[in-house]
């Protein structure tokens, strides 16, 4: 028991069945009290950068070859990430394939979407924010990925807040130079908590893991340098992105750079 921290043990016990008799799962506890957050986050006022869309007939490496060659690569090479590579990655990870609007006659039939990455209840509560340091065809800044339009929405210019996010990432992965792009996974918590009870945050963290693996596989297929990170500063992110901490903030980070140098 000495190796359990109290908050970890409580979180483990209360987000699964067996050690409590509290409601758990899709109870729709707020269906009659609060409106459900929209399936797609409404666009903000920032200017837009249109992302290239990959050739649907494009052929990449065989799937199992990608699975076997997946590695965490902390440093990219001399060649920077390109806008085309970034667009291809986001297209195959997080874009909206199908958007299903809510049914106004049945509040339990909430707005949902289908995407390349899986998400419990088709909620897809994770938003991707990109702190761009080096990307051919894209100015450095903090952006949010709009998965419906397949565009980047400008959030903030480089500054102390965004540099802090990059510095945190470098410390987390023992990087010598900044990643070309730091992808921050932020959760819109109300998307999950409106329907799921006891397990909402646990499910969000599982979705982070699913997103990590999808990012790894697509980045590997593109010959890029991917590295998932273990921790980040959610308070710093909320300040940089202008979100409210208890409504939307970071739950995961992923470093991405251009092709690594050959071994």
Protein backbone atom coordinates (compact mmCIF):
# COMPACT_ATOMS: atom_id res chain seq x y z
CA UNK A 1 0.00 0.00 0.00
CA UNK A 2 2.94 2.37 0.50
CA UNK A 3 3.25 2.89 -3.24
CA UNK A 4 -0.33 4.15 -3.60
CA UNK A 5 -0.78 7.91 -3.33
CA UNK A 6 -4.16 8.67 -1.68
CA UNK A 7 -5.55 10.65 -4.61
CA UNK A 8 -4.58 7.89 -7.09
CA UNK A 9 -6.23 5.18 -5.00
CA UNK A 10 -9.40 7.23 -4.54
CA UNK A 11 -9.54 8.03 -8.25
CA UNK A 12 -9.03 4.37 -9.15
CA UNK A 13 -11.71 3.12 -6.76
CA UNK A 14 -14.34 5.76 -7.55
CA UNK A 15 -14.01 5.64 -11.33
CA UNK A 16 -14.61 1.87 -11.53
CA UNK A 17 -17.13 -0.58 -10.12
CA UNK A 18 -16.59 -2.70 -7.04
CA UNK A 19 -15.70 -0.48 -4.08
CA UNK A 20 -18.67 1.87 -3.98
CA UNK A 21 -22.36 1.83 -4.76
CA UNK A 22 -22.57 5.29 -6.37
CA UNK A 23 -24.05 5.64 -9.87
CA UNK A 24 -21.51 5.01 -12.61
CA UNK A 25 -21.66 5.26 -16.38
CA UNK A 26 -24.01 6.96 -18.80
CA UNK A 27 -26.61 8.19 -16.31
CA UNK A 28 -27.40 11.45 -18.17
CA UNK A 29 -27.49 13.12 -14.76
CA UNK A 30 -27.78 16.65 -16.19
CA UNK A 31 -30.15 15.92 -19.08
CA UNK A 32 -33.01 17.89 -17.50
CA UNK A 33 -30.85 20.53 -15.81
CA UNK A 34 -28.20 21.74 -18.25
CA UNK A 35 -27.82 21.95 -22.03
CA UNK A 36 -25.22 19.67 -23.53
CA UNK A 37 -22.06 21.26 -24.88
CA UNK A 38 -22.03 21.28 -28.70
CA UNK A 39 -20.29 18.49 -30.57
CA UNK A 40 -18.01 21.03 -32.27
CA UNK A 41 -16.54 23.93 -30.37
CA UNK A 42 -17.85 27.19 -31.88
CA UNK A 43 -15.22 29.06 -33.91
CA UNK A 44 -13.44 32.01 -32.36
CA UNK A 45 -12.50 35.36 -33.88
CA UNK A 46 -8.94 34.40 -34.82
CA UNK A 47 -7.84 34.42 -38.44
CA UNK A 48 -7.72 31.11 -40.25
CA UNK A 49 -5.01 29.01 -41.89
CA UNK A 50 -6.38 26.47 -44.35
CA UNK A 51 -4.67 23.10 -44.06
CA UNK A 52 -3.84 20.95 -47.11
CA UNK A 53 -5.90 17.80 -47.49
CA UNK A 54 -4.11 14.56 -48.32
CA UNK A 55 -4.61 12.73 -51.59
CA UNK A 56 -7.29 10.10 -50.87
CA UNK A 57 -5.49 7.76 -53.26
CA UNK A 58 -2.16 8.21 -51.51
CA UNK A 59 -0.36 5.03 -50.51
CA UNK A 60 1.81 4.84 -47.43
CA UNK A 61 3.74 2.08 -45.66
CA UNK A 62 1.97 -1.13 -44.68
CA UNK A 63 0.05 -0.90 -41.40
CA UNK A 64 1.97 -3.55 -39.49
CA UNK A 65 5.27 -2.07 -40.63
CA UNK A 66 4.15 1.22 -39.07
CA UNK A 67 3.14 -0.52 -35.84
CA UNK A 68 6.49 -2.29 -35.56
CA UNK A 69 8.55 0.84 -36.27
CA UNK A 70 6.71 3.20 -33.89
CA UNK A 71 9.12 4.87 -31.48
CA UNK A 72 9.32 8.00 -29.34
CA UNK A 73 11.74 10.33 -31.12
CA UNK A 74 12.62 13.38 -29.07
CA UNK A 75 14.55 15.35 -31.67
CA UNK A 76 13.76 16.07 -35.29
CA UNK A 77 16.34 16.66 -37.96
CA UNK A 78 17.44 19.72 -39.86
CA UNK A 79 14.38 19.60 -42.11
CA UNK A 80 11.38 21.33 -40.49
CA UNK A 81 7.85 20.04 -40.38
CA UNK A 82 5.81 21.23 -43.38
CA UNK A 83 2.25 22.50 -43.54
CA UNK A 84 1.36 19.59 -45.81
CA UNK A 85 2.67 17.06 -43.29
CA UNK A 86 0.84 18.79 -40.47
CA UNK A 87 -2.39 18.86 -42.47
CA UNK A 88 -2.08 15.18 -43.32
CA UNK A 89 -1.46 14.27 -39.69
CA UNK A 90 -4.46 16.20 -38.37
CA UNK A 91 -6.68 14.91 -41.19
CA UNK A 92 -5.99 11.28 -40.27
CA UNK A 93 -6.17 11.84 -36.51
CA UNK A 94 -8.87 14.29 -35.56
CA UNK A 95 -10.96 15.65 -38.42
CA UNK A 96 -14.74 15.28 -38.39
CA UNK A 97 -15.81 12.57 -40.82
CA UNK A 98 -19.51 12.69 -39.94
CA UNK A 99 -21.33 15.26 -37.80
CA UNK A 100 -24.60 14.15 -36.26
CA UNK A 101 -26.67 17.08 -34.92
CA UNK A 102 -28.64 16.76 -31.71
CA UNK A 103 -32.27 15.66 -31.87
CA UNK A 104 -34.36 18.56 -30.48
CA UNK A 105 -37.17 16.13 -29.59
CA UNK A 106 -34.97 13.81 -27.53
CA UNK A 107 -32.35 15.43 -25.27
CA UNK A 108 -30.52 12.12 -24.87
CA UNK A 109 -29.73 12.12 -28.58
CA UNK A 110 -26.99 14.71 -28.23
CA UNK A 111 -24.83 16.15 -30.98
CA UNK A 112 -21.95 13.82 -31.85
CA UNK A 113 -19.33 13.17 -34.48
CA UNK A 114 -17.31 10.34 -36.00
CA UNK A 115 -13.58 10.81 -36.49
CA UNK A 116 -10.54 8.66 -37.38
CA UNK A 117 -9.70 8.33 -33.68
CA UNK A 118 -12.21 6.61 -31.43
CA UNK A 119 -14.08 8.38 -28.63
CA UNK A 120 -16.50 6.99 -26.06
CA UNK A 121 -20.10 7.95 -26.77
CA UNK A 122 -18.89 9.75 -29.94
CA UNK A 123 -18.31 12.69 -27.60
CA UNK A 124 -14.85 13.74 -28.83
CA UNK A 125 -14.34 16.20 -26.02
CA UNK A 126 -10.64 16.68 -26.81
CA UNK A 127 -9.50 19.84 -28.58
CA UNK A 128 -6.06 20.08 -30.20
CA UNK A 129 -4.04 23.25 -29.70
CA UNK A 130 -0.77 23.67 -31.59
CA UNK A 131 2.13 25.77 -30.38
CA UNK A 132 4.05 26.17 -33.62
CA UNK A 133 7.76 27.00 -33.40
CA UNK A 134 8.95 25.81 -36.82
CA UNK A 135 6.71 24.75 -39.71
CA UNK A 136 7.26 25.55 -43.37
CA UNK A 137 4.28 27.53 -44.65
CA UNK A 138 2.92 28.48 -41.21
CA UNK A 139 3.91 31.39 -38.97
CA UNK A 140 4.84 30.63 -35.36
CA UNK A 141 1.85 31.09 -33.05
CA UNK A 142 -0.63 29.22 -30.86
CA UNK A 143 -3.49 27.73 -32.92
CA UNK A 144 -6.57 25.61 -32.31
CA UNK A 145 -7.41 22.89 -34.80
CA UNK A 146 -10.94 23.19 -36.18
CA UNK A 147 -11.80 19.54 -36.98
CA UNK A 148 -14.95 20.40 -38.92
CA UNK A 149 -13.36 22.84 -41.35
CA UNK A 150 -9.88 21.26 -41.25
CA UNK A 151 -8.35 24.64 -40.52
CA UNK A 152 -6.15 26.22 -37.87
CA UNK A 153 -7.62 29.07 -35.85
CA UNK A 154 -5.09 31.62 -34.63
CA UNK A 155 -5.24 32.00 -30.84
CA UNK A 156 -2.18 33.97 -29.76
CA UNK A 157 1.17 35.27 -30.96
CA UNK A 158 4.36 33.78 -29.53
CA UNK A 159 5.15 35.17 -26.10
CA UNK A 160 6.06 34.28 -22.56
CA UNK A 161 3.00 32.05 -22.11
CA UNK A 162 3.56 29.97 -25.23
CA UNK A 163 7.30 29.80 -24.58
CA UNK A 164 6.49 28.46 -21.13
CA UNK A 165 4.48 25.63 -22.69
CA UNK A 166 7.40 24.77 -24.97
CA UNK A 167 9.89 24.92 -22.09
CA UNK A 168 7.70 22.58 -20.03
CA UNK A 169 7.61 20.13 -22.94
CA UNK A 170 11.36 20.22 -23.35
CA UNK A 171 11.87 19.47 -19.65
CA UNK A 172 9.31 16.66 -19.70
CA UNK A 173 11.07 14.87 -22.57
CA UNK A 174 14.66 15.97 -21.86
CA UNK A 175 14.79 17.69 -25.26
CA UNK A 176 17.78 19.77 -26.28
CA UNK A 177 15.88 21.88 -28.82
CA UNK A 178 12.19 22.77 -29.04
CA UNK A 179 9.84 20.52 -31.01
CA UNK A 180 8.62 22.01 -34.26
CA UNK A 181 5.06 21.79 -32.97
CA UNK A 182 3.75 21.09 -29.48
CA UNK A 183 0.26 19.58 -29.66
CA UNK A 184 -1.70 20.17 -26.46
CA UNK A 185 -4.77 18.02 -25.85
CA UNK A 186 -7.39 20.03 -23.95
CA UNK A 187 -10.67 18.59 -22.67
CA UNK A 188 -14.05 20.29 -22.74
CA UNK A 189 -15.07 18.62 -19.49
CA UNK A 190 -18.79 19.32 -19.74
CA UNK A 191 -19.04 17.19 -22.88
CA UNK A 192 -18.34 14.08 -20.77
CA UNK A 193 -19.67 15.05 -17.34
CA UNK A 194 -23.15 15.86 -18.70
CA UNK A 195 -23.71 12.19 -19.57
CA UNK A 196 -21.20 10.13 -17.59
CA UNK A 197 -21.09 9.90 -13.80
CA UNK A 198 -18.14 8.83 -11.63
CA UNK A 199 -16.08 7.86 -14.68
CA UNK A 200 -16.10 11.07 -16.77
CA UNK A 201 -12.53 12.16 -16.05
CA UNK A 202 -11.20 8.61 -16.22
CA UNK A 203 -12.73 8.27 -19.69
CA UNK A 204 -11.12 11.54 -20.76
CA UNK A 205 -7.70 10.20 -19.80
CA UNK A 206 -8.38 7.01 -21.75
CA UNK A 207 -9.22 9.14 -24.76
CA UNK A 208 -5.89 10.91 -24.33
CA UNK A 209 -4.16 7.54 -24.61
CA UNK A 210 -6.13 6.65 -27.72
CA UNK A 211 -5.23 10.02 -29.26
CA UNK A 212 -1.55 9.52 -28.39
CA UNK A 213 -1.45 6.20 -30.22
CA UNK A 214 -3.19 7.60 -33.29
CA UNK A 215 -0.75 10.52 -33.38
CA UNK A 216 2.16 8.10 -33.05
CA UNK A 217 1.01 5.83 -35.87
CA UNK A 218 0.20 8.61 -38.33
CA UNK A 219 3.42 10.48 -37.54
CA UNK A 220 5.41 7.26 -37.99
CA UNK A 221 3.74 6.60 -41.35
CA UNK A 222 4.74 10.12 -42.41
CA UNK A 223 8.34 9.66 -41.30
CA UNK A 224 8.15 12.35 -38.62
CA UNK A 225 9.52 12.56 -35.07
CA UNK A 226 6.72 11.99 -32.50
CA UNK A 227 6.94 11.92 -28.71
CA UNK A 228 4.10 11.76 -26.17
CA UNK A 229 4.74 13.64 -22.94
CA UNK A 230 3.84 12.59 -19.42
CA UNK A 231 2.91 15.90 -17.83
CA UNK A 232 2.21 19.55 -18.50
CA UNK A 233 1.04 22.73 -16.79
CA UNK A 234 -2.74 23.02 -17.12
CA UNK A 235 -2.79 26.41 -15.39
CA UNK A 236 -0.22 27.80 -17.83
CA UNK A 237 -2.12 26.41 -20.80
CA UNK A 238 -5.42 27.97 -19.74
CA UNK A 239 -3.70 31.34 -19.43
CA UNK A 240 -2.02 30.99 -22.84
CA UNK A 241 -5.16 29.82 -24.68
CA UNK A 242 -7.60 32.06 -22.84
CA UNK A 243 -9.78 29.20 -21.60
CA UNK A 244 -11.43 28.77 -18.21
CA UNK A 245 -9.56 26.18 -16.17
CA UNK A 246 -12.65 24.30 -14.94
CA UNK A 247 -14.31 24.32 -18.38
CA UNK A 248 -11.44 23.52 -20.75
CA UNK A 249 -7.77 22.95 -20.07
CA UNK A 250 -4.93 20.62 -20.95
CA UNK A 251 -4.92 16.90 -20.16
CA UNK A 252 -2.06 15.77 -22.43
CA UNK A 253 0.84 16.96 -24.57
CA UNK A 254 2.52 15.57 -27.70
CA UNK A 255 5.72 16.82 -29.33
CA UNK A 256 6.08 16.65 -33.11
CA UNK A 257 8.99 17.54 -35.37
CA UNK A 258 10.10 17.01 -38.94
CA UNK A 259 11.92 13.88 -40.14
CA UNK A 260 14.65 12.75 -37.74
CA UNK A 261 18.21 12.24 -38.86
CA UNK A 262 18.96 8.64 -39.88
CA UNK A 263 20.65 6.54 -37.26
